[in-house]
């Protein structure tokens, strides 16, 4: 099992690993938080990780705003 690792421009790191009949994706934020899950194929795993990165980034921006 080889990990496919890449970085997203916003500083997030993604690792995608084949795990039997599914693919495991794991996202690490610049702050060191981790998120992950399973997907049916490699392309879906990459999309899930990208969506998670976008969502976590938006939540961090919203938390940083002062009302």
PDB file of N, CA and C in Angstrom:
ATOM      1  N   UNK A   1       0.834  -1.184   0.000  1.00  0.00           N
ATOM      2  CA  UNK A   1       0.000   0.000   0.000  1.00  0.00           C
ATOM      3  C   UNK A   1       0.879   1.249   0.000  1.00  0.00           C
ATOM      4  N   UNK A   2       0.823   1.986  -1.051  1.00  0.00           N
ATOM      5  CA  UNK A   2       1.565   3.237  -1.142  1.00  0.00           C
ATOM      6  C   UNK A   2       0.627   4.393  -0.853  1.00  0.00           C
ATOM      7  N   UNK A   3       1.105   5.330  -0.064  1.00  0.00           N
ATOM      8  CA  UNK A   3       0.341   6.549   0.186  1.00  0.00           C
ATOM      9  C   UNK A   3       0.554   7.512  -0.963  1.00  0.00           C
ATOM     10  N   UNK A   4      -0.513   8.109  -1.435  1.00  0.00           N
ATOM     11  CA  UNK A   4      -0.427   9.200  -2.397  1.00  0.00           C
ATOM     12  C   UNK A   4      -0.571  10.461  -1.567  1.00  0.00           C
ATOM     13  N   UNK A   5       0.494  11.246  -1.472  1.00  0.00           N
ATOM     14  CA  UNK A   5       0.451  12.436  -0.639  1.00  0.00           C
ATOM     15  C   UNK A   5       0.655  13.668  -1.502  1.00  0.00           C
ATOM     16  N   UNK A   6      -0.074  14.710  -1.162  1.00  0.00           N
ATOM     17  CA  UNK A   6       0.090  15.984  -1.849  1.00  0.00           C
ATOM     18  C   UNK A   6      -0.361  17.098  -0.929  1.00  0.00           C
ATOM     19  N   UNK A   7       0.017  18.290  -1.279  1.00  0.00           N
ATOM     20  CA  UNK A   7      -0.352  19.459  -0.482  1.00  0.00           C
ATOM     21  C   UNK A   7      -1.304  20.322  -1.289  1.00  0.00           C
ATOM     22  N   UNK A   8      -2.264  20.893  -0.608  1.00  0.00           N
ATOM     23  CA  UNK A   8      -3.186  21.836  -1.215  1.00  0.00           C
ATOM     24  C   UNK A   8      -2.605  23.226  -0.974  1.00  0.00           C
ATOM     25  N   UNK A   9      -2.791  24.135  -1.887  1.00  0.00           N
ATOM     26  CA  UNK A   9      -2.141  25.446  -1.835  1.00  0.00           C
ATOM     27  C   UNK A   9      -2.357  26.198  -0.531  1.00  0.00           C
ATOM     28  N   UNK A  10      -3.433  25.915   0.181  1.00  0.00           N
ATOM     29  CA  UNK A  10      -3.701  26.636   1.426  1.00  0.00           C
ATOM     30  C   UNK A  10      -2.935  26.081   2.609  1.00  0.00           C
ATOM     31  N   UNK A  11      -2.039  25.124   2.380  1.00  0.00           N
ATOM     32  CA  UNK A  11      -1.219  24.574   3.453  1.00  0.00           C
ATOM     33  C   UNK A  11      -1.734  23.266   4.016  1.00  0.00           C
ATOM     34  N   UNK A  12      -2.840  22.773   3.528  1.00  0.00           N
ATOM     35  CA  UNK A  12      -3.385  21.503   3.979  1.00  0.00           C
ATOM     36  C   UNK A  12      -2.610  20.362   3.316  1.00  0.00           C
ATOM     37  N   UNK A  13      -2.410  19.270   4.057  1.00  0.00           N
ATOM     38  CA  UNK A  13      -1.742  18.094   3.506  1.00  0.00           C
ATOM     39  C   UNK A  13      -2.746  16.953   3.415  1.00  0.00           C
ATOM     40  N   UNK A  14      -2.689  16.212   2.321  1.00  0.00           N
ATOM     41  CA  UNK A  14      -3.624  15.123   2.072  1.00  0.00           C
ATOM     42  C   UNK A  14      -2.835  13.840   1.819  1.00  0.00           C
ATOM     43  N   UNK A  15      -3.288  12.756   2.431  1.00  0.00           N
ATOM     44  CA  UNK A  15      -2.734  11.428   2.153  1.00  0.00           C
ATOM     45  C   UNK A  15      -3.900  10.528   1.747  1.00  0.00           C
ATOM     46  N   UNK A  16      -3.725   9.792   0.667  1.00  0.00           N
ATOM     47  CA  UNK A  16      -4.739   8.869   0.167  1.00  0.00           C
ATOM     48  C   UNK A  16      -4.091   7.484   0.097  1.00  0.00           C
ATOM     49  N   UNK A  17      -4.738   6.487   0.723  1.00  0.00           N
ATOM     50  CA  UNK A  17      -4.190   5.144   0.807  1.00  0.00           C
ATOM     51  C   UNK A  17      -5.246   4.128   0.424  1.00  0.00           C
ATOM     52  N   UNK A  18      -4.840   3.138  -0.345  1.00  0.00           N
ATOM     53  CA  UNK A  18      -5.746   2.048  -0.655  1.00  0.00           C
ATOM     54  C   UNK A  18      -5.894   1.191   0.598  1.00  0.00           C
ATOM     55  N   UNK A  19      -7.134   0.906   0.983  1.00  0.00           N
ATOM     56  CA  UNK A  19      -7.411   0.132   2.195  1.00  0.00           C
ATOM     57  C   UNK A  19      -8.397  -0.987   1.865  1.00  0.00           C
ATOM     58  N   UNK A  20      -7.906  -2.011   1.245  1.00  0.00           N
ATOM     59  CA  UNK A  20      -8.788  -3.116   0.848  1.00  0.00           C
ATOM     60  C   UNK A  20      -9.659  -2.721  -0.323  1.00  0.00           C
ATOM     61  N   UNK A  21     -10.971  -2.788  -0.117  1.00  0.00           N
ATOM     62  CA  UNK A  21     -11.898  -2.444  -1.197  1.00  0.00           C
ATOM     63  C   UNK A  21     -12.257  -0.966  -1.214  1.00  0.00           C
ATOM     64  N   UNK A  22     -11.698  -0.203  -0.305  1.00  0.00           N
ATOM     65  CA  UNK A  22     -11.985   1.234  -0.225  1.00  0.00           C
ATOM     66  C   UNK A  22     -10.668   2.006  -0.204  1.00  0.00           C
ATOM     67  N   UNK A  23     -10.787   3.318  -0.265  1.00  0.00           N
ATOM     68  CA  UNK A  23      -9.627   4.203  -0.174  1.00  0.00           C
ATOM     69  C   UNK A  23      -9.792   5.080   1.057  1.00  0.00           C
ATOM     70  N   UNK A  24      -8.735   5.232   1.804  1.00  0.00           N
ATOM     71  CA  UNK A  24      -8.733   6.063   2.998  1.00  0.00           C
ATOM     72  C   UNK A  24      -8.111   7.406   2.649  1.00  0.00           C
ATOM     73  N   UNK A  25      -8.799   8.490   2.982  1.00  0.00           N
ATOM     74  CA  UNK A  25      -8.220   9.823   2.792  1.00  0.00           C
ATOM     75  C   UNK A  25      -8.002  10.427   4.167  1.00  0.00           C
ATOM     76  N   UNK A  26      -6.924  11.182   4.286  1.00  0.00           N
ATOM     77  CA  UNK A  26      -6.599  11.834   5.552  1.00  0.00           C
ATOM     78  C   UNK A  26      -6.098  13.235   5.259  1.00  0.00           C
ATOM     79  N   UNK A  27      -6.667  14.191   5.954  1.00  0.00           N
ATOM     80  CA  UNK A  27      -6.359  15.600   5.763  1.00  0.00           C
ATOM     81  C   UNK A  27      -5.746  16.145   7.051  1.00  0.00           C
ATOM     82  N   UNK A  28      -4.659  16.892   6.919  1.00  0.00           N
ATOM     83  CA  UNK A  28      -4.049  17.562   8.069  1.00  0.00           C
ATOM     84  C   UNK A  28      -4.035  19.053   7.779  1.00  0.00           C
ATOM     85  N   UNK A  29      -4.590  19.835   8.704  1.00  0.00           N
ATOM     86  CA  UNK A  29      -4.655  21.293   8.532  1.00  0.00           C
ATOM     87  C   UNK A  29      -3.321  21.914   8.917  1.00  0.00           C
ATOM     88  N   UNK A  30      -3.085  23.175   8.530  1.00  0.00           N
ATOM     89  CA  UNK A  30      -1.854  23.862   8.945  1.00  0.00           C
ATOM     90  C   UNK A  30      -1.727  23.952  10.472  1.00  0.00           C
ATOM     91  N   UNK A  31      -2.859  23.926  11.190  1.00  0.00           N
ATOM     92  CA  UNK A  31      -2.848  23.993  12.652  1.00  0.00           C
ATOM     93  C   UNK A  31      -2.616  22.618  13.286  1.00  0.00           C
ATOM     94  N   UNK A  32      -2.527  21.567  12.453  1.00  0.00           N
ATOM     95  CA  UNK A  32      -2.259  20.236  12.960  1.00  0.00           C
ATOM     96  C   UNK A  32      -3.491  19.388  13.236  1.00  0.00           C
ATOM     97  N   UNK A  33      -4.667  19.876  12.898  1.00  0.00           N
ATOM     98  CA  UNK A  33      -5.893  19.090  13.086  1.00  0.00           C
ATOM     99  C   UNK A  33      -6.001  18.043  11.972  1.00  0.00           C
ATOM    100  N   UNK A  34      -6.568  16.889  12.304  1.00  0.00           N
ATOM    101  CA  UNK A  34      -6.725  15.811  11.330  1.00  0.00           C
ATOM    102  C   UNK A  34      -8.191  15.528  11.066  1.00  0.00           C
ATOM    103  N   UNK A  35      -8.485  15.152   9.834  1.00  0.00           N
ATOM    104  CA  UNK A  35      -9.807  14.679   9.447  1.00  0.00           C
ATOM    105  C   UNK A  35      -9.576  13.556   8.445  1.00  0.00           C
ATOM    106  N   UNK A  36     -10.514  12.652   8.332  1.00  0.00           N
ATOM    107  CA  UNK A  36     -10.331  11.559   7.387  1.00  0.00           C
ATOM    108  C   UNK A  36     -11.592  10.766   7.202  1.00  0.00           C
ATOM    109  N   UNK A  37     -11.544   9.862   6.242  1.00  0.00           N
ATOM    110  CA  UNK A  37     -12.693   9.020   5.970  1.00  0.00           C
ATOM    111  C   UNK A  37     -12.383   8.042   4.856  1.00  0.00           C
ATOM    112  N   UNK A  38     -13.390   7.295   4.456  1.00  0.00           N
ATOM    113  CA  UNK A  38     -13.253   6.303   3.397  1.00  0.00           C
ATOM    114  C   UNK A  38     -14.032   6.722   2.169  1.00  0.00           C
ATOM    115  N   UNK A  39     -13.572   6.273   1.018  1.00  0.00           N
ATOM    116  CA  UNK A  39     -14.244   6.541  -0.251  1.00  0.00           C
ATOM    117  C   UNK A  39     -14.116   5.290  -1.125  1.00  0.00           C
ATOM    118  N   UNK A  40     -14.993   5.130  -2.116  1.00  0.00           N
ATOM    119  CA  UNK A  40     -14.963   3.914  -2.930  1.00  0.00           C
ATOM    120  C   UNK A  40     -13.788   3.828  -3.907  1.00  0.00           C
ATOM    121  N   UNK A  41     -13.232   4.960  -4.300  1.00  0.00           N
ATOM    122  CA  UNK A  41     -12.100   4.935  -5.235  1.00  0.00           C
ATOM    123  C   UNK A  41     -11.171   6.119  -4.958  1.00  0.00           C
ATOM    124  N   UNK A  42     -10.027   6.113  -5.613  1.00  0.00           N
ATOM    125  CA  UNK A  42      -9.008   7.136  -5.361  1.00  0.00           C
ATOM    126  C   UNK A  42      -9.486   8.537  -5.721  1.00  0.00           C
ATOM    127  N   UNK A  43     -10.149   8.666  -6.854  1.00  0.00           N
ATOM    128  CA  UNK A  43     -10.629   9.990  -7.277  1.00  0.00           C
ATOM    129  C   UNK A  43     -11.651  10.544  -6.274  1.00  0.00           C
ATOM    130  N   UNK A  44     -12.546   9.691  -5.800  1.00  0.00           N
ATOM    131  CA  UNK A  44     -13.529  10.130  -4.800  1.00  0.00           C
ATOM    132  C   UNK A  44     -12.849  10.519  -3.500  1.00  0.00           C
ATOM    133  N   UNK A  45     -11.823   9.777  -3.112  1.00  0.00           N
ATOM    134  CA  UNK A  45     -11.087  10.097  -1.888  1.00  0.00           C
ATOM    135  C   UNK A  45     -10.440  11.475  -1.994  1.00  0.00           C
ATOM    136  N   UNK A  46      -9.868  11.779  -3.147  1.00  0.00           N
ATOM    137  CA  UNK A  46      -9.257  13.094  -3.343  1.00  0.00           C
ATOM    138  C   UNK A  46     -10.307  14.201  -3.300  1.00  0.00           C
ATOM    139  N   UNK A  47     -11.472  13.954  -3.909  1.00  0.00           N
ATOM    140  CA  UNK A  47     -12.549  14.952  -3.871  1.00  0.00           C
ATOM    141  C   UNK A  47     -13.063  15.165  -2.451  1.00  0.00           C
ATOM    142  N   UNK A  48     -13.215  14.084  -1.707  1.00  0.00           N
ATOM    143  CA  UNK A  48     -13.668  14.203  -0.310  1.00  0.00           C
ATOM    144  C   UNK A  48     -12.678  15.022   0.508  1.00  0.00           C
ATOM    145  N   UNK A  49     -11.401  14.765   0.324  1.00  0.00           N
ATOM    146  CA  UNK A  49     -10.372  15.503   1.062  1.00  0.00           C
ATOM    147  C   UNK A  49     -10.376  16.973   0.671  1.00  0.00           C
ATOM    148  N   UNK A  50     -10.544  17.258  -0.614  1.00  0.00           N
ATOM    149  CA  UNK A  50     -10.584  18.651  -1.064  1.00  0.00           C
ATOM    150  C   UNK A  50     -11.811  19.370  -0.490  1.00  0.00           C
ATOM    151  N   UNK A  51     -12.962  18.691  -0.461  1.00  0.00           N
ATOM    152  CA  UNK A  51     -14.162  19.283   0.107  1.00  0.00           C
ATOM    153  C   UNK A  51     -13.977  19.537   1.602  1.00  0.00           C
ATOM    154  N   UNK A  52     -13.376  18.582   2.299  1.00  0.00           N
ATOM    155  CA  UNK A  52     -13.112  18.752   3.736  1.00  0.00           C
ATOM    156  C   UNK A  52     -12.170  19.922   3.971  1.00  0.00           C
ATOM    157  N   UNK A  53     -11.151  20.076   3.135  1.00  0.00           N
ATOM    158  CA  UNK A  53     -10.213  21.197   3.281  1.00  0.00           C
ATOM    159  C   UNK A  53     -10.938  22.521   3.087  1.00  0.00           C
ATOM    160  N   UNK A  54     -11.794  22.603   2.085  1.00  0.00           N
ATOM    161  CA  UNK A  54     -12.554  23.823   1.833  1.00  0.00           C
ATOM    162  C   UNK A  54     -13.459  24.144   3.019  1.00  0.00           C
ATOM    163  N   UNK A  55     -14.144  23.106   3.536  1.00  0.00           N
ATOM    164  CA  UNK A  55     -15.067  23.303   4.651  1.00  0.00           C
ATOM    165  C   UNK A  55     -14.338  23.730   5.914  1.00  0.00           C
ATOM    166  N   UNK A  56     -13.257  23.045   6.252  1.00  0.00           N
ATOM    167  CA  UNK A  56     -12.501  23.408   7.453  1.00  0.00           C
ATOM    168  C   UNK A  56     -11.900  24.804   7.334  1.00  0.00           C
ATOM    169  N   UNK A  57     -11.440  25.153   6.148  1.00  0.00           N
ATOM    170  CA  UNK A  57     -10.891  26.490   5.927  1.00  0.00           C
ATOM    171  C   UNK A  57     -11.965  27.553   6.142  1.00  0.00           C
ATOM    172  N   UNK A  58     -13.168  27.300   5.622  1.00  0.00           N
ATOM    173  CA  UNK A  58     -14.268  28.258   5.791  1.00  0.00           C
ATOM    174  C   UNK A  58     -14.667  28.386   7.265  1.00  0.00           C
ATOM    175  N   UNK A  59     -14.696  27.272   7.980  1.00  0.00           N
ATOM    176  CA  UNK A  59     -15.032  27.320   9.406  1.00  0.00           C
ATOM    177  C   UNK A  59     -13.973  28.075  10.206  1.00  0.00           C
ATOM    178  N   UNK A  60     -12.705  27.885   9.859  1.00  0.00           N
ATOM    179  CA  UNK A  60     -11.641  28.613  10.556  1.00  0.00           C
ATOM    180  C   UNK A  60     -11.721  30.106  10.285  1.00  0.00           C
ATOM    181  N   UNK A  61     -12.053  30.486   9.045  1.00  0.00           N
ATOM    182  CA  UNK A  61     -12.207  31.910   8.716  1.00  0.00           C
ATOM    183  C   UNK A  61     -13.390  32.503   9.470  1.00  0.00           C
ATOM    184  N   UNK A  62     -14.482  31.750   9.542  1.00  0.00           N
ATOM    185  CA  UNK A  62     -15.669  32.241  10.255  1.00  0.00           C
ATOM    186  C   UNK A  62     -15.390  32.380  11.738  1.00  0.00           C
ATOM    187  N   UNK A  63     -14.643  31.464  12.316  1.00  0.00           N
ATOM    188  CA  UNK A  63     -14.324  31.531  13.735  1.00  0.00           C
ATOM    189  C   UNK A  63     -13.393  32.717  14.046  1.00  0.00           C
ATOM    190  N   UNK A  64     -12.584  33.094  13.074  1.00  0.00           N
ATOM    191  CA  UNK A  64     -11.634  34.188  13.275  1.00  0.00           C
ATOM    192  C   UNK A  64     -12.293  35.564  13.188  1.00  0.00           C
ATOM    193  N   UNK A  65     -13.472  35.628  12.565  1.00  0.00           N
ATOM    194  CA  UNK A  65     -14.173  36.904  12.420  1.00  0.00           C
ATOM    195  C   UNK A  65     -14.757  37.361  13.741  1.00  0.00           C
ATOM    196  N   UNK A  66     -14.728  38.626  13.945  1.00  0.00           N
ATOM    197  CA  UNK A  66     -15.350  39.230  15.135  1.00  0.00           C
ATOM    198  C   UNK A  66     -16.635  39.894  14.704  1.00  0.00           C
ATOM    199  N   UNK A  67     -17.681  39.696  15.457  1.00  0.00           N
ATOM    200  CA  UNK A  67     -18.985  40.302  15.118  1.00  0.00           C
ATOM    201  C   UNK A  67     -19.176  41.579  15.915  1.00  0.00           C
TER     202      UNK A  67
END
